[in-house]
Amino acid sequence: MKRIIGSKCRASVTAVVLLLAIGLMAAACGNDDDGGATAGPPPKTEPGAYTQAFVDDAVEFYESNGRSALIDHLHSPDSTDPPSVDGQWYGFAFDLDGVVLAHPTVPDNVGQTLHEILGGTPEGLAAADEMVTATETGKWVDYTYLNPQSGDWETKHTWIVKRDDIHIASGWYESG
């Protein structure tokens, strides 16, 4: 009788441990209500997070394909995977001296310096000087710029990440 009860207890404990292990593995794999799918980019209703993800994608493209390929990619507004333009978001690149290397929505900016293109920040600093100080960890710079979609001068919030001898950036516009 003791052997039968002991056997049943061991079987019950083994079943509970097995169920716990399966649950922990499912949680570790991200198997939740979305079917375990990986998270996509943040929603555009969170423009700061969306901008950072947009730049992260361009940085990954750079790291996989190199400087020349990134510049070619960003020159074209029709580039995909990652997109060079997505609504008001567009990627652009400039060198360590602030010379624009790629700009898909205003190609005339290529070859110009940020000093020639941009004005000041809300704090009265030269936006160009602030932008070229971005590091590998990234930097936000706000300035007034002509929104190519609306045709209005608006505050642009730009996230910039430096890699090697290039800065990769994107931002969103805020009217008013």
N, C-alpha and C. Protein backbone atom coordinates (compact mmCIF):
# COMPACT_ATOMS: atom_id res chain seq x y z
N MET A 1 0.82 -1.19 0.00
CA MET A 1 0.00 0.00 0.00
C MET A 1 0.86 1.25 0.00
N LYS A 2 1.95 1.27 0.80
CA LYS A 2 2.84 2.41 0.85
C LYS A 2 3.47 2.66 -0.51
N ARG A 3 3.81 1.55 -1.22
CA ARG A 3 4.43 1.70 -2.54
C ARG A 3 3.46 2.35 -3.52
N ILE A 4 2.20 2.01 -3.48
CA ILE A 4 1.21 2.57 -4.39
C ILE A 4 1.03 4.05 -4.11
N ILE A 5 0.90 4.44 -2.83
CA ILE A 5 0.72 5.85 -2.46
C ILE A 5 1.98 6.64 -2.81
N GLY A 6 3.16 6.11 -2.49
CA GLY A 6 4.43 6.76 -2.81
C GLY A 6 4.58 6.96 -4.30
N SER A 7 4.20 5.99 -5.08
CA SER A 7 4.27 6.06 -6.54
C SER A 7 3.35 7.15 -7.08
N LYS A 8 2.14 7.21 -6.53
CA LYS A 8 1.18 8.23 -6.97
C LYS A 8 1.68 9.63 -6.61
N CYS A 9 2.28 9.79 -5.42
CA CYS A 9 2.81 11.10 -5.01
C CYS A 9 3.94 11.53 -5.92
N ARG A 10 4.87 10.57 -6.21
CA ARG A 10 5.98 10.92 -7.10
C ARG A 10 5.46 11.29 -8.47
N ALA A 11 4.49 10.61 -8.98
CA ALA A 11 3.91 10.91 -10.29
C ALA A 11 3.26 12.29 -10.27
N SER A 12 2.55 12.62 -9.18
CA SER A 12 1.91 13.94 -9.08
C SER A 12 2.95 15.05 -9.01
N VAL A 13 3.98 14.85 -8.21
CA VAL A 13 5.03 15.86 -8.09
C VAL A 13 5.74 16.03 -9.44
N THR A 14 6.02 14.94 -10.11
CA THR A 14 6.67 15.00 -11.43
C THR A 14 5.79 15.76 -12.41
N ALA A 15 4.49 15.53 -12.39
CA ALA A 15 3.57 16.23 -13.30
C ALA A 15 3.55 17.73 -13.00
N VAL A 16 3.53 18.11 -11.73
CA VAL A 16 3.52 19.52 -11.35
C VAL A 16 4.82 20.19 -11.79
N VAL A 17 5.95 19.54 -11.56
CA VAL A 17 7.25 20.09 -11.96
C VAL A 17 7.30 20.25 -13.47
N LEU A 18 6.81 19.26 -14.19
CA LEU A 18 6.80 19.31 -15.65
C LEU A 18 5.93 20.47 -16.14
N LEU A 19 4.76 20.66 -15.55
CA LEU A 19 3.89 21.78 -15.94
C LEU A 19 4.55 23.13 -15.63
N LEU A 20 5.21 23.25 -14.50
CA LEU A 20 5.92 24.49 -14.16
C LEU A 20 7.04 24.75 -15.16
N ALA A 21 7.77 23.73 -15.52
CA ALA A 21 8.87 23.90 -16.47
C ALA A 21 8.35 24.35 -17.83
N ILE A 22 7.25 23.77 -18.28
CA ILE A 22 6.65 24.16 -19.57
C ILE A 22 6.20 25.62 -19.51
N GLY A 23 5.58 26.00 -18.41
CA GLY A 23 5.14 27.38 -18.25
C GLY A 23 6.30 28.36 -18.27
N LEU A 24 7.39 28.03 -17.58
CA LEU A 24 8.56 28.90 -17.56
C LEU A 24 9.20 28.99 -18.94
N MET A 25 9.26 27.88 -19.66
CA MET A 25 9.84 27.91 -21.00
C MET A 25 8.98 28.76 -21.93
N ALA A 26 7.67 28.64 -21.82
CA ALA A 26 6.78 29.43 -22.66
C ALA A 26 6.94 30.92 -22.37
N ALA A 27 7.07 31.28 -21.10
CA ALA A 27 7.25 32.68 -20.74
C ALA A 27 8.59 33.20 -21.25
N ALA A 28 9.63 32.40 -21.14
CA ALA A 28 10.95 32.81 -21.60
C ALA A 28 10.99 32.99 -23.12
N CYS A 29 10.19 32.25 -23.83
CA CYS A 29 10.15 32.36 -25.29
C CYS A 29 9.23 33.47 -25.75
N GLY A 30 8.61 34.16 -24.85
CA GLY A 30 7.71 35.25 -25.22
C GLY A 30 6.37 34.75 -25.72
N ASN A 31 6.00 33.56 -25.34
CA ASN A 31 4.75 32.99 -25.81
C ASN A 31 3.61 33.54 -24.96
N ASP A 32 3.08 34.69 -25.39
CA ASP A 32 2.00 35.30 -24.64
C ASP A 32 0.80 35.50 -25.56
N ASP A 33 -0.04 36.46 -25.27
CA ASP A 33 -1.28 36.65 -26.01
C ASP A 33 -1.08 36.93 -27.50
N ASP A 34 0.10 37.43 -27.91
CA ASP A 34 0.30 37.73 -29.32
C ASP A 34 0.84 36.53 -30.09
N GLY A 35 0.76 35.35 -29.49
CA GLY A 35 1.18 34.15 -30.18
C GLY A 35 2.70 33.98 -30.20
N GLY A 36 3.41 34.74 -29.38
CA GLY A 36 4.84 34.59 -29.32
C GLY A 36 5.56 35.40 -30.38
N ALA A 37 4.86 36.22 -31.13
CA ALA A 37 5.50 37.02 -32.16
C ALA A 37 6.42 38.05 -31.53
N THR A 38 7.50 38.37 -32.25
CA THR A 38 8.40 39.39 -31.74
C THR A 38 7.74 40.75 -31.88
N ALA A 39 8.11 41.63 -30.99
CA ALA A 39 7.52 42.97 -31.00
C ALA A 39 8.00 43.73 -32.21
N GLY A 40 7.11 44.48 -32.83
CA GLY A 40 7.47 45.32 -33.95
C GLY A 40 7.94 46.66 -33.46
N PRO A 41 8.04 47.62 -34.37
CA PRO A 41 8.47 48.95 -33.92
C PRO A 41 7.41 49.57 -33.03
N PRO A 42 7.82 50.53 -32.22
CA PRO A 42 6.83 51.24 -31.40
C PRO A 42 5.82 51.94 -32.31
N PRO A 43 4.64 52.23 -31.81
CA PRO A 43 3.65 52.92 -32.64
C PRO A 43 4.07 54.37 -32.91
N LYS A 44 3.60 54.91 -34.01
CA LYS A 44 3.93 56.30 -34.37
C LYS A 44 3.32 57.29 -33.39
N THR A 45 2.36 56.84 -32.59
CA THR A 45 1.79 57.70 -31.55
C THR A 45 2.80 57.93 -30.42
N GLU A 46 3.90 57.19 -30.44
CA GLU A 46 5.03 57.39 -29.52
C GLU A 46 6.21 57.84 -30.38
N PRO A 47 6.18 59.09 -30.86
CA PRO A 47 7.15 59.51 -31.88
C PRO A 47 8.61 59.42 -31.45
N GLY A 48 8.90 59.65 -30.18
CA GLY A 48 10.29 59.54 -29.73
C GLY A 48 10.80 58.11 -29.86
N ALA A 49 10.03 57.17 -29.36
CA ALA A 49 10.43 55.76 -29.43
C ALA A 49 10.46 55.28 -30.88
N TYR A 50 9.47 55.73 -31.68
CA TYR A 50 9.45 55.34 -33.09
C TYR A 50 10.68 55.87 -33.81
N THR A 51 11.06 57.13 -33.53
CA THR A 51 12.24 57.72 -34.15
C THR A 51 13.50 56.95 -33.79
N GLN A 52 13.65 56.61 -32.53
CA GLN A 52 14.83 55.86 -32.12
C GLN A 52 14.89 54.50 -32.80
N ALA A 53 13.75 53.82 -32.94
CA ALA A 53 13.72 52.53 -33.63
C ALA A 53 14.05 52.72 -35.12
N PHE A 54 13.56 53.80 -35.72
CA PHE A 54 13.83 54.10 -37.13
C PHE A 54 15.34 54.28 -37.34
N VAL A 55 15.99 55.03 -36.45
CA VAL A 55 17.44 55.24 -36.54
C VAL A 55 18.18 53.94 -36.24
N ASP A 56 17.72 53.18 -35.26
CA ASP A 56 18.36 51.90 -34.95
C ASP A 56 18.39 50.99 -36.18
N ASP A 57 17.29 50.97 -36.94
CA ASP A 57 17.24 50.16 -38.16
C ASP A 57 18.28 50.64 -39.18
N ALA A 58 18.42 51.96 -39.32
CA ALA A 58 19.42 52.50 -40.24
C ALA A 58 20.84 52.19 -39.76
N VAL A 59 21.07 52.25 -38.45
CA VAL A 59 22.38 51.91 -37.89
C VAL A 59 22.69 50.44 -38.16
N GLU A 60 21.72 49.57 -37.96
CA GLU A 60 21.93 48.14 -38.26
C GLU A 60 22.26 47.94 -39.73
N PHE A 61 21.56 48.67 -40.62
CA PHE A 61 21.85 48.60 -42.05
C PHE A 61 23.30 49.01 -42.30
N TYR A 62 23.72 50.11 -41.70
CA TYR A 62 25.11 50.58 -41.83
C TYR A 62 26.10 49.52 -41.35
N GLU A 63 25.83 48.94 -40.18
CA GLU A 63 26.76 47.96 -39.62
C GLU A 63 26.84 46.70 -40.46
N SER A 64 25.77 46.35 -41.15
CA SER A 64 25.75 45.16 -42.00
C SER A 64 26.29 45.42 -43.41
N ASN A 65 26.09 46.65 -43.91
CA ASN A 65 26.37 46.92 -45.32
C ASN A 65 27.43 47.98 -45.58
N GLY A 66 27.77 48.77 -44.58
CA GLY A 66 28.81 49.77 -44.73
C GLY A 66 28.30 51.16 -45.07
N ARG A 67 29.24 52.10 -45.04
CA ARG A 67 28.95 53.53 -45.22
C ARG A 67 28.39 53.84 -46.60
N SER A 68 29.05 53.36 -47.63
CA SER A 68 28.63 53.66 -49.00
C SER A 68 27.21 53.14 -49.27
N ALA A 69 26.94 51.92 -48.81
CA ALA A 69 25.60 51.33 -49.02
C ALA A 69 24.54 52.12 -48.26
N LEU A 70 24.86 52.59 -47.04
CA LEU A 70 23.90 53.39 -46.28
C LEU A 70 23.61 54.70 -47.02
N ILE A 71 24.63 55.36 -47.49
CA ILE A 71 24.43 56.63 -48.20
C ILE A 71 23.56 56.41 -49.44
N ASP A 72 23.86 55.37 -50.22
CA ASP A 72 23.03 55.05 -51.39
C ASP A 72 21.60 54.77 -50.97
N HIS A 73 21.44 54.03 -49.89
CA HIS A 73 20.11 53.65 -49.39
C HIS A 73 19.31 54.89 -48.98
N LEU A 74 19.97 55.80 -48.26
CA LEU A 74 19.27 56.99 -47.78
C LEU A 74 19.04 58.03 -48.88
N HIS A 75 19.80 57.96 -49.96
CA HIS A 75 19.58 58.89 -51.08
C HIS A 75 18.21 58.68 -51.73
N SER A 76 17.72 57.45 -51.68
CA SER A 76 16.48 57.13 -52.37
C SER A 76 15.29 57.14 -51.42
N PRO A 77 14.28 57.97 -51.71
CA PRO A 77 13.08 57.96 -50.85
C PRO A 77 12.27 56.67 -50.99
N ASP A 78 12.60 55.85 -51.99
CA ASP A 78 11.88 54.60 -52.21
C ASP A 78 12.55 53.39 -51.58
N SER A 79 13.67 53.59 -50.89
CA SER A 79 14.37 52.47 -50.26
C SER A 79 13.51 51.81 -49.20
N THR A 80 13.64 50.51 -49.13
CA THR A 80 12.91 49.73 -48.11
C THR A 80 13.89 48.83 -47.38
N ASP A 81 13.42 48.25 -46.31
CA ASP A 81 14.14 47.23 -45.53
C ASP A 81 15.52 47.68 -45.09
N PRO A 82 15.64 48.68 -44.25
CA PRO A 82 14.58 49.49 -43.66
C PRO A 82 14.19 50.64 -44.59
N PRO A 83 13.02 51.22 -44.36
CA PRO A 83 12.62 52.35 -45.21
C PRO A 83 13.52 53.56 -44.95
N SER A 84 13.78 54.33 -46.01
CA SER A 84 14.51 55.58 -45.81
C SER A 84 13.52 56.70 -45.49
N VAL A 85 12.26 56.50 -45.88
CA VAL A 85 11.19 57.48 -45.59
C VAL A 85 9.96 56.70 -45.15
N ASP A 86 9.34 57.19 -44.07
CA ASP A 86 8.08 56.63 -43.60
C ASP A 86 7.24 57.78 -43.07
N GLY A 87 6.44 58.37 -43.97
CA GLY A 87 5.65 59.53 -43.58
C GLY A 87 6.58 60.68 -43.26
N GLN A 88 6.43 61.26 -42.07
CA GLN A 88 7.28 62.39 -41.69
C GLN A 88 8.68 61.95 -41.26
N TRP A 89 8.88 60.67 -41.08
CA TRP A 89 10.19 60.17 -40.69
C TRP A 89 11.02 59.89 -41.94
N TYR A 90 12.24 60.38 -41.95
CA TYR A 90 13.18 60.05 -43.02
C TYR A 90 14.58 60.02 -42.41
N GLY A 91 15.37 59.11 -42.91
CA GLY A 91 16.73 59.01 -42.42
C GLY A 91 17.64 59.95 -43.20
N PHE A 92 18.62 60.50 -42.52
CA PHE A 92 19.63 61.29 -43.22
C PHE A 92 20.96 61.07 -42.52
N ALA A 93 22.04 61.42 -43.21
CA ALA A 93 23.37 61.17 -42.66
C ALA A 93 24.26 62.37 -42.93
N PHE A 94 25.18 62.61 -42.00
CA PHE A 94 26.16 63.67 -42.17
C PHE A 94 27.48 63.23 -41.54
N ASP A 95 28.57 63.84 -42.01
CA ASP A 95 29.87 63.44 -41.50
C ASP A 95 30.21 64.17 -40.20
N LEU A 96 31.42 63.95 -39.72
CA LEU A 96 31.82 64.51 -38.43
C LEU A 96 31.95 66.04 -38.47
N ASP A 97 32.09 66.59 -39.67
CA ASP A 97 32.16 68.04 -39.82
C ASP A 97 30.79 68.67 -40.08
N GLY A 98 29.75 67.84 -40.14
CA GLY A 98 28.40 68.36 -40.36
C GLY A 98 28.04 68.53 -41.83
N VAL A 99 28.78 67.90 -42.72
CA VAL A 99 28.44 67.94 -44.15
C VAL A 99 27.42 66.84 -44.43
N VAL A 100 26.27 67.21 -45.01
CA VAL A 100 25.21 66.24 -45.28
C VAL A 100 25.66 65.29 -46.38
N LEU A 101 25.56 64.00 -46.10
CA LEU A 101 25.96 62.95 -47.04
C LEU A 101 24.78 62.34 -47.76
N ALA A 102 23.63 62.31 -47.11
CA ALA A 102 22.43 61.71 -47.71
C ALA A 102 21.20 62.34 -47.10
N HIS A 103 20.20 62.61 -47.95
CA HIS A 103 18.93 63.20 -47.49
C HIS A 103 17.87 62.87 -48.53
N PRO A 104 16.97 61.93 -48.24
CA PRO A 104 16.03 61.48 -49.26
C PRO A 104 14.93 62.46 -49.63
N THR A 105 14.59 63.39 -48.75
CA THR A 105 13.47 64.29 -49.07
C THR A 105 13.92 65.66 -49.56
N VAL A 106 15.14 66.05 -49.25
CA VAL A 106 15.68 67.32 -49.74
C VAL A 106 17.09 67.04 -50.28
N PRO A 107 17.19 66.46 -51.47
CA PRO A 107 18.50 66.09 -52.00
C PRO A 107 19.44 67.28 -52.20
N ASP A 108 18.90 68.49 -52.30
CA ASP A 108 19.76 69.67 -52.44
C ASP A 108 20.59 69.92 -51.18
N ASN A 109 20.22 69.32 -50.06
CA ASN A 109 21.00 69.47 -48.83
C ASN A 109 22.33 68.72 -48.90
N VAL A 110 22.42 67.70 -49.75
CA VAL A 110 23.64 66.89 -49.84
C VAL A 110 24.80 67.78 -50.28
N GLY A 111 25.89 67.71 -49.53
CA GLY A 111 27.07 68.52 -49.81
C GLY A 111 27.10 69.82 -49.03
N GLN A 112 25.98 70.23 -48.49
CA GLN A 112 25.93 71.44 -47.67
C GLN A 112 26.25 71.09 -46.22
N THR A 113 26.67 72.08 -45.46
CA THR A 113 26.91 71.85 -44.04
C THR A 113 25.61 72.11 -43.27
N LEU A 114 25.54 71.50 -42.12
CA LEU A 114 24.38 71.74 -41.26
C LEU A 114 24.29 73.21 -40.88
N HIS A 115 25.43 73.90 -40.77
CA HIS A 115 25.42 75.34 -40.46
C HIS A 115 24.72 76.12 -41.57
N GLU A 116 24.86 75.68 -42.82
CA GLU A 116 24.22 76.37 -43.94
C GLU A 116 22.71 76.12 -43.97
N ILE A 117 22.29 75.00 -43.41
CA ILE A 117 20.90 74.56 -43.53
C ILE A 117 20.06 74.92 -42.31
N LEU A 118 20.66 74.81 -41.12
CA LEU A 118 19.89 74.89 -39.88
C LEU A 118 20.10 76.20 -39.14
N GLY A 119 19.14 76.50 -38.31
CA GLY A 119 19.24 77.64 -37.42
C GLY A 119 19.62 77.20 -36.03
N GLY A 120 18.95 77.80 -35.05
CA GLY A 120 19.28 77.55 -33.66
C GLY A 120 18.33 76.59 -32.98
N THR A 121 18.73 76.17 -31.80
CA THR A 121 17.90 75.34 -30.94
C THR A 121 17.02 76.27 -30.10
N PRO A 122 16.00 75.74 -29.43
CA PRO A 122 15.19 76.58 -28.54
C PRO A 122 16.02 77.25 -27.45
N GLU A 123 17.18 76.67 -27.12
CA GLU A 123 18.05 77.25 -26.09
C GLU A 123 18.99 78.31 -26.67
N GLY A 124 18.90 78.57 -27.99
CA GLY A 124 19.74 79.59 -28.61
C GLY A 124 21.10 79.08 -29.07
N LEU A 125 21.30 77.78 -29.06
CA LEU A 125 22.55 77.20 -29.53
C LEU A 125 22.45 76.90 -31.02
N ALA A 126 23.57 76.81 -31.69
CA ALA A 126 23.56 76.43 -33.10
C ALA A 126 23.24 74.94 -33.17
N ALA A 127 22.15 74.59 -33.85
CA ALA A 127 21.73 73.19 -33.95
C ALA A 127 22.84 72.34 -34.55
N ALA A 128 23.54 72.87 -35.56
CA ALA A 128 24.61 72.11 -36.20
C ALA A 128 25.69 71.72 -35.19
N ASP A 129 26.07 72.66 -34.33
CA ASP A 129 27.10 72.36 -33.33
C ASP A 129 26.64 71.28 -32.37
N GLU A 130 25.37 71.30 -32.02
CA GLU A 130 24.81 70.29 -31.12
C GLU A 130 24.76 68.92 -31.81
N MET A 131 24.39 68.90 -33.08
CA MET A 131 24.22 67.64 -33.80
C MET A 131 25.53 66.89 -33.98
N VAL A 132 26.61 67.59 -34.29
CA VAL A 132 27.88 66.91 -34.54
C VAL A 132 28.51 66.36 -33.26
N THR A 133 27.96 66.73 -32.09
CA THR A 133 28.48 66.18 -30.83
C THR A 133 27.77 64.90 -30.40
N ALA A 134 26.84 64.42 -31.23
CA ALA A 134 26.16 63.16 -30.90
C ALA A 134 27.19 62.03 -30.81
N THR A 135 26.94 61.10 -29.92
CA THR A 135 27.86 59.99 -29.68
C THR A 135 27.21 58.67 -30.10
N GLU A 136 27.92 57.58 -29.82
CA GLU A 136 27.41 56.24 -30.13
C GLU A 136 26.16 55.91 -29.34
N THR A 137 25.96 56.58 -28.21
CA THR A 137 24.77 56.31 -27.40
C THR A 137 23.58 57.15 -27.85
N GLY A 138 23.81 58.14 -28.71
CA GLY A 138 22.72 58.93 -29.27
C GLY A 138 22.47 60.24 -28.54
N LYS A 139 21.82 61.16 -29.26
CA LYS A 139 21.54 62.47 -28.71
C LYS A 139 20.31 63.06 -29.40
N TRP A 140 19.46 63.72 -28.62
CA TRP A 140 18.31 64.46 -29.15
C TRP A 140 18.72 65.91 -29.37
N VAL A 141 18.34 66.46 -30.52
CA VAL A 141 18.52 67.89 -30.79
C VAL A 141 17.22 68.40 -31.40
N ASP A 142 16.70 69.49 -30.86
CA ASP A 142 15.48 70.12 -31.37
C ASP A 142 15.86 71.42 -32.09
N TYR A 143 15.19 71.68 -33.19
CA TYR A 143 15.43 72.90 -33.95
C TYR A 143 14.23 73.14 -34.87
N THR A 144 14.17 74.31 -35.47
CA THR A 144 13.10 74.63 -36.40
C THR A 144 13.57 74.30 -37.81
N TYR A 145 12.70 73.59 -38.57
CA TYR A 145 13.08 73.16 -39.91
C TYR A 145 11.82 73.09 -40.78
N LEU A 146 12.00 73.23 -42.07
CA LEU A 146 10.88 73.17 -43.00
C LEU A 146 10.43 71.72 -43.17
N ASN A 147 9.20 71.44 -42.75
CA ASN A 147 8.63 70.10 -42.88
C ASN A 147 8.31 69.87 -44.35
N PRO A 148 8.98 68.90 -45.00
CA PRO A 148 8.73 68.68 -46.43
C PRO A 148 7.29 68.23 -46.73
N GLN A 149 6.61 67.64 -45.76
CA GLN A 149 5.23 67.19 -45.97
C GLN A 149 4.24 68.34 -45.89
N SER A 150 4.38 69.20 -44.89
CA SER A 150 3.40 70.27 -44.68
C SER A 150 3.79 71.57 -45.37
N GLY A 151 5.09 71.75 -45.63
CA GLY A 151 5.56 73.01 -46.18
C GLY A 151 5.68 74.11 -45.15
N ASP A 152 5.49 73.78 -43.87
CA ASP A 152 5.55 74.76 -42.78
C ASP A 152 6.84 74.59 -41.98
N TRP A 153 7.31 75.70 -41.40
CA TRP A 153 8.43 75.64 -40.47
C TRP A 153 7.90 75.13 -39.14
N GLU A 154 8.48 74.04 -38.66
CA GLU A 154 8.01 73.39 -37.45
C GLU A 154 9.20 72.96 -36.60
N THR A 155 8.93 72.69 -35.34
CA THR A 155 9.98 72.14 -34.47
C THR A 155 10.24 70.71 -34.89
N LYS A 156 11.50 70.41 -35.14
CA LYS A 156 11.90 69.04 -35.47
C LYS A 156 12.69 68.48 -34.30
N HIS A 157 12.30 67.30 -33.86
CA HIS A 157 12.98 66.59 -32.77
C HIS A 157 13.80 65.49 -33.45
N THR A 158 15.10 65.61 -33.41
CA THR A 158 15.98 64.70 -34.16
C THR A 158 16.82 63.86 -33.24
N TRP A 159 16.81 62.55 -33.51
CA TRP A 159 17.64 61.59 -32.78
C TRP A 159 18.82 61.26 -33.67
N ILE A 160 20.03 61.39 -33.14
CA ILE A 160 21.26 61.22 -33.91
C ILE A 160 22.15 60.20 -33.21
N VAL A 161 22.69 59.27 -33.98
CA VAL A 161 23.62 58.26 -33.46
C VAL A 161 24.88 58.29 -34.31
N LYS A 162 26.03 58.33 -33.66
CA LYS A 162 27.31 58.33 -34.36
C LYS A 162 27.82 56.90 -34.49
N ARG A 163 28.33 56.58 -35.67
CA ARG A 163 29.04 55.33 -35.91
C ARG A 163 30.26 55.66 -36.76
N ASP A 164 31.42 55.31 -36.26
CA ASP A 164 32.67 55.56 -36.97
C ASP A 164 32.75 57.03 -37.37
N ASP A 165 32.75 57.33 -38.68
CA ASP A 165 32.90 58.72 -39.14
C ASP A 165 31.60 59.27 -39.75
N ILE A 166 30.47 58.76 -39.27
CA ILE A 166 29.18 59.17 -39.82
C ILE A 166 28.15 59.31 -38.70
N HIS A 167 27.26 60.27 -38.86
CA HIS A 167 26.11 60.42 -37.96
C HIS A 167 24.87 60.00 -38.74
N ILE A 168 24.02 59.21 -38.12
CA ILE A 168 22.79 58.71 -38.73
C ILE A 168 21.63 59.28 -37.91
N ALA A 169 20.65 59.88 -38.60
CA ALA A 169 19.63 60.62 -37.86
C ALA A 169 18.25 60.49 -38.50
N SER A 170 17.26 60.79 -37.70
CA SER A 170 15.88 60.95 -38.15
C SER A 170 15.15 61.73 -37.06
N GLY A 171 13.95 62.17 -37.38
CA GLY A 171 13.19 62.91 -36.38
C GLY A 171 11.74 63.05 -36.77
N TRP A 172 11.01 63.75 -35.93
CA TRP A 172 9.61 64.02 -36.22
C TRP A 172 9.34 65.49 -35.99
N TYR A 173 8.26 65.93 -36.60
CA TYR A 173 7.90 67.35 -36.55
C TYR A 173 6.76 67.60 -35.57
N GLU A 174 6.82 68.76 -34.96
CA GLU A 174 5.76 69.20 -34.05
C GLU A 174 5.38 70.62 -34.46
N SER A 175 4.16 70.77 -34.91
CA SER A 175 3.73 72.11 -35.33
C SER A 175 3.42 72.97 -34.13
N GLY A 176 3.51 74.28 -34.34
CA GLY A 176 3.14 75.20 -33.28
C GLY A 176 4.24 75.82 -32.60
